[in-house]
């Protein structure tokens, strides 16, 4: 082989080697680096047992919050009737706010050294919120489902906040009170007013007359 051809062969081999290195390494699998339910302790001046308890509570909360978030999106798509436009926008706004809460709760779990729930199947197995049907429901039913989910989350968030305070986990308490509880309370108010049975066009004059007697 001539020196010229030899150089071409070397260049081709180098090109092949470089191309192989540039290819993505696909279809990889390996052991978990941290099992679910175990704490990878971070230096945040909290006892590992406290971190584990808070992470467990927050994983229940994130499962319910993700379910409520997704229920808002379901109703956003499926809402019907003369209040379609207003509720279509409101449901989407609340979905976005719940999505922000999901991220904040997940980050707190990771900060505590835990592993946050993430996949839909795991959330479905964990949530305590009643599963709605796949089909479309009437607006009063949609809102009632949302209010029931909010109330469940508020009850557990208040209980978890007290437990976090007792354990000295002020960060978790602050997240629960300042973000989770206040956001859910405000959304309850905006929803509940849609279920007040008041006249839309003409005032109920008979009721006014009776009240004046």
Protein backbone atom coordinates (compact mmCIF):
# COMPACT_ATOMS: atom_id res chain seq x y z
CA UNK A 1 0.00 0.00 0.00
CA UNK A 2 1.35 3.40 -0.92
CA UNK A 3 1.97 6.00 1.85
CA UNK A 4 -0.79 8.14 0.32
CA UNK A 5 -3.37 5.36 0.51
CA UNK A 6 -2.22 4.49 4.03
CA UNK A 7 -2.87 8.08 5.17
CA UNK A 8 -6.34 7.95 3.65
CA UNK A 9 -7.02 4.73 5.53
CA UNK A 10 -5.86 6.27 8.80
CA UNK A 11 -8.05 9.35 8.23
CA UNK A 12 -11.06 7.14 7.52
CA UNK A 13 -10.48 5.12 10.70
CA UNK A 14 -10.16 8.32 12.74
CA UNK A 15 -13.37 9.62 11.20
CA UNK A 16 -15.19 6.37 12.06
CA UNK A 17 -13.90 6.49 15.64
CA UNK A 18 -14.97 10.11 15.98
CA UNK A 19 -18.41 9.34 14.60
CA UNK A 20 -18.90 6.51 17.07
CA UNK A 21 -18.03 8.79 19.96
CA UNK A 22 -20.56 11.35 18.74
CA UNK A 23 -23.44 8.87 18.63
CA UNK A 24 -25.89 8.91 21.58
CA UNK A 25 -25.67 5.91 23.89
CA UNK A 26 -29.26 4.68 23.91
CA UNK A 27 -31.40 2.07 25.71
CA UNK A 28 -29.51 2.33 28.98
CA UNK A 29 -30.77 0.89 32.24
CA UNK A 30 -29.26 0.75 35.69
CA UNK A 31 -30.06 0.49 39.40
CA UNK A 32 -31.81 3.35 41.19
CA UNK A 33 -29.38 5.74 42.82
CA UNK A 34 -31.94 6.41 45.58
CA UNK A 35 -34.96 4.21 46.35
CA UNK A 36 -38.34 5.86 46.93
CA UNK A 37 -39.03 6.43 50.61
CA UNK A 38 -35.36 6.69 51.57
CA UNK A 39 -33.68 9.94 52.62
CA UNK A 40 -30.41 11.20 51.14
CA UNK A 41 -29.56 13.50 54.06
CA UNK A 42 -28.61 17.06 53.21
CA UNK A 43 -26.97 19.46 55.71
CA UNK A 44 -30.14 21.49 56.42
CA UNK A 45 -30.00 21.17 60.22
CA UNK A 46 -33.01 18.86 60.42
CA UNK A 47 -33.06 15.35 61.84
CA UNK A 48 -33.34 12.61 59.23
CA UNK A 49 -36.52 11.28 60.87
CA UNK A 50 -38.13 14.73 60.59
CA UNK A 51 -37.14 14.93 56.92
CA UNK A 52 -38.58 11.48 56.26
CA UNK A 53 -41.92 12.28 57.93
CA UNK A 54 -42.29 15.61 56.12
CA UNK A 55 -41.36 14.04 52.78
CA UNK A 56 -43.94 11.30 53.28
CA UNK A 57 -46.66 13.83 54.12
CA UNK A 58 -45.72 16.04 51.19
CA UNK A 59 -45.85 13.10 48.78
CA UNK A 60 -49.46 12.51 49.79
CA UNK A 61 -50.10 16.19 49.26
CA UNK A 62 -48.40 16.26 45.88
CA UNK A 63 -50.46 13.28 44.70
CA UNK A 64 -53.68 15.08 45.64
CA UNK A 65 -52.48 18.40 44.22
CA UNK A 66 -51.52 16.80 40.90
CA UNK A 67 -54.94 15.14 40.76
CA UNK A 68 -56.69 18.45 41.42
CA UNK A 69 -54.48 20.18 38.85
CA UNK A 70 -55.38 17.59 36.20
CA UNK A 71 -59.06 17.77 37.11
CA UNK A 72 -58.93 21.50 36.41
CA UNK A 73 -57.50 20.83 32.96
CA UNK A 74 -60.15 18.16 32.29
CA UNK A 75 -62.92 20.61 33.20
CA UNK A 76 -61.20 23.40 31.24
CA UNK A 77 -61.51 21.28 28.09
CA UNK A 78 -64.97 19.86 28.79
CA UNK A 79 -66.91 22.75 30.38
CA UNK A 80 -70.20 23.60 28.64
CA UNK A 81 -73.10 26.01 28.93
CA UNK A 82 -73.66 29.77 29.08
CA UNK A 83 -70.74 30.24 31.51
CA UNK A 84 -68.35 28.39 29.18
CA UNK A 85 -66.07 31.33 28.43
CA UNK A 86 -65.68 32.52 32.04
CA UNK A 87 -65.14 29.03 33.48
CA UNK A 88 -62.91 27.97 30.60
CA UNK A 89 -60.53 30.79 31.55
CA UNK A 90 -60.92 30.36 35.32
CA UNK A 91 -60.26 26.62 35.23
CA UNK A 92 -57.12 27.18 33.18
CA UNK A 93 -55.90 29.90 35.56
CA UNK A 94 -56.40 27.64 38.57
CA UNK A 95 -54.68 24.79 36.73
CA UNK A 96 -51.60 26.98 36.26
CA UNK A 97 -51.56 27.96 39.94
CA UNK A 98 -51.89 24.34 41.04
CA UNK A 99 -49.08 23.39 38.66
CA UNK A 100 -46.83 25.93 40.39
CA UNK A 101 -47.73 24.37 43.75
CA UNK A 102 -46.81 20.92 42.44
CA UNK A 103 -43.36 22.18 41.54
CA UNK A 104 -42.88 23.88 44.90
CA UNK A 105 -43.98 20.78 46.83
CA UNK A 106 -41.73 18.51 44.74
CA UNK A 107 -38.74 20.78 45.28
CA UNK A 108 -39.37 20.77 49.03
CA UNK A 109 -39.45 16.96 49.06
CA UNK A 110 -36.14 16.82 47.18
CA UNK A 111 -34.65 19.47 49.48
CA UNK A 112 -35.56 17.31 52.46
CA UNK A 113 -33.56 14.52 50.85
CA UNK A 114 -36.58 12.55 49.70
CA UNK A 115 -37.94 11.45 46.32
CA UNK A 116 -41.09 13.11 45.04
CA UNK A 117 -43.86 11.24 43.25
CA UNK A 118 -43.91 12.13 39.57
CA UNK A 119 -45.55 9.53 37.34
CA UNK A 120 -49.30 9.44 36.70
CA UNK A 121 -49.65 5.78 37.71
CA UNK A 122 -48.01 6.43 41.09
CA UNK A 123 -50.18 9.50 41.63
CA UNK A 124 -53.36 7.54 40.80
CA UNK A 125 -52.41 4.86 43.34
CA UNK A 126 -51.76 7.43 46.06
CA UNK A 127 -54.35 10.19 45.74
CA UNK A 128 -57.39 10.26 48.02
CA UNK A 129 -59.44 12.37 45.60
CA UNK A 130 -62.37 10.60 43.95
CA UNK A 131 -61.71 9.84 40.30
CA UNK A 132 -64.12 11.58 37.91
CA UNK A 133 -65.55 9.76 34.89
CA UNK A 134 -63.87 10.08 31.51
CA UNK A 135 -66.91 11.75 30.00
CA UNK A 136 -68.21 15.31 30.31
CA UNK A 137 -70.24 16.37 33.35
CA UNK A 138 -72.50 19.34 34.04
CA UNK A 139 -70.93 22.52 35.38
CA UNK A 140 -72.39 22.21 38.93
CA UNK A 141 -70.95 18.70 39.16
CA UNK A 142 -67.57 19.84 37.87
CA UNK A 143 -67.40 22.63 40.44
CA UNK A 144 -68.62 20.39 43.24
CA UNK A 145 -65.86 17.88 42.51
CA UNK A 146 -63.27 20.66 42.56
CA UNK A 147 -64.55 22.07 45.85
CA UNK A 148 -64.47 18.63 47.48
CA UNK A 149 -60.88 18.12 46.30
CA UNK A 150 -59.88 21.55 47.61
CA UNK A 151 -61.41 20.80 51.00
CA UNK A 152 -59.55 17.49 51.26
CA UNK A 153 -56.26 19.20 50.43
CA UNK A 154 -56.88 22.02 52.88
CA UNK A 155 -57.64 19.58 55.70
CA UNK A 156 -54.49 17.58 55.13
CA UNK A 157 -52.35 20.69 54.58
CA UNK A 158 -53.45 22.18 57.92
CA UNK A 159 -52.71 18.91 59.73
CA UNK A 160 -49.32 18.61 58.02
CA UNK A 161 -48.47 22.22 58.85
CA UNK A 162 -49.06 21.60 62.55
CA UNK A 163 -46.95 18.43 62.45
CA UNK A 164 -44.13 20.27 60.68
CA UNK A 165 -44.17 23.04 63.28
CA UNK A 166 -44.08 20.55 66.14
CA UNK A 167 -41.09 18.83 64.52
CA UNK A 168 -39.22 22.09 63.94
CA UNK A 169 -39.58 21.91 60.14
CA UNK A 170 -40.35 25.58 59.60
CA UNK A 171 -39.66 25.47 55.85
CA UNK A 172 -42.34 22.86 55.24
CA UNK A 173 -44.76 24.73 57.50
CA UNK A 174 -44.15 27.96 55.56
CA UNK A 175 -44.77 26.23 52.22
CA UNK A 176 -48.00 24.70 53.48
CA UNK A 177 -49.39 27.85 55.06
CA UNK A 178 -48.12 30.58 52.74
CA UNK A 179 -48.56 28.76 49.45
CA UNK A 180 -50.72 25.63 49.59
CA UNK A 181 -53.39 26.75 52.07
CA UNK A 182 -53.72 30.34 50.86
CA UNK A 183 -53.83 29.38 47.18
CA UNK A 184 -56.47 26.70 47.75
CA UNK A 185 -58.59 28.95 49.96
CA UNK A 186 -58.62 31.68 47.33
CA UNK A 187 -59.54 29.24 44.58
CA UNK A 188 -62.37 27.85 46.73
CA UNK A 189 -63.83 31.35 47.00
CA UNK A 190 -63.74 31.91 43.23
CA UNK A 191 -65.38 28.54 42.61
CA UNK A 192 -67.99 28.51 45.37
CA UNK A 193 -69.57 31.79 44.22
CA UNK A 194 -70.57 30.05 40.97
CA UNK A 195 -72.86 27.71 42.94
CA UNK A 196 -74.86 30.45 44.68
CA UNK A 197 -78.43 30.18 43.41
CA UNK A 198 -79.21 33.81 42.54
CA UNK A 199 -81.29 35.23 39.65
CA UNK A 200 -79.34 36.01 36.49
CA UNK A 201 -81.60 38.51 34.73
CA UNK A 202 -84.52 39.53 36.98
CA UNK A 203 -84.37 40.04 40.75
CA UNK A 204 -86.58 37.88 42.94
CA UNK A 205 -89.02 40.61 44.00
CA UNK A 206 -91.24 38.21 45.87
CA UNK A 207 -88.44 37.43 48.29
CA UNK A 208 -87.80 41.15 48.83
CA UNK A 209 -91.49 41.76 49.60
CA UNK A 210 -91.59 38.94 52.12
CA UNK A 211 -88.43 40.21 53.79
CA UNK A 212 -89.96 43.69 54.13
CA UNK A 213 -93.09 42.50 55.91
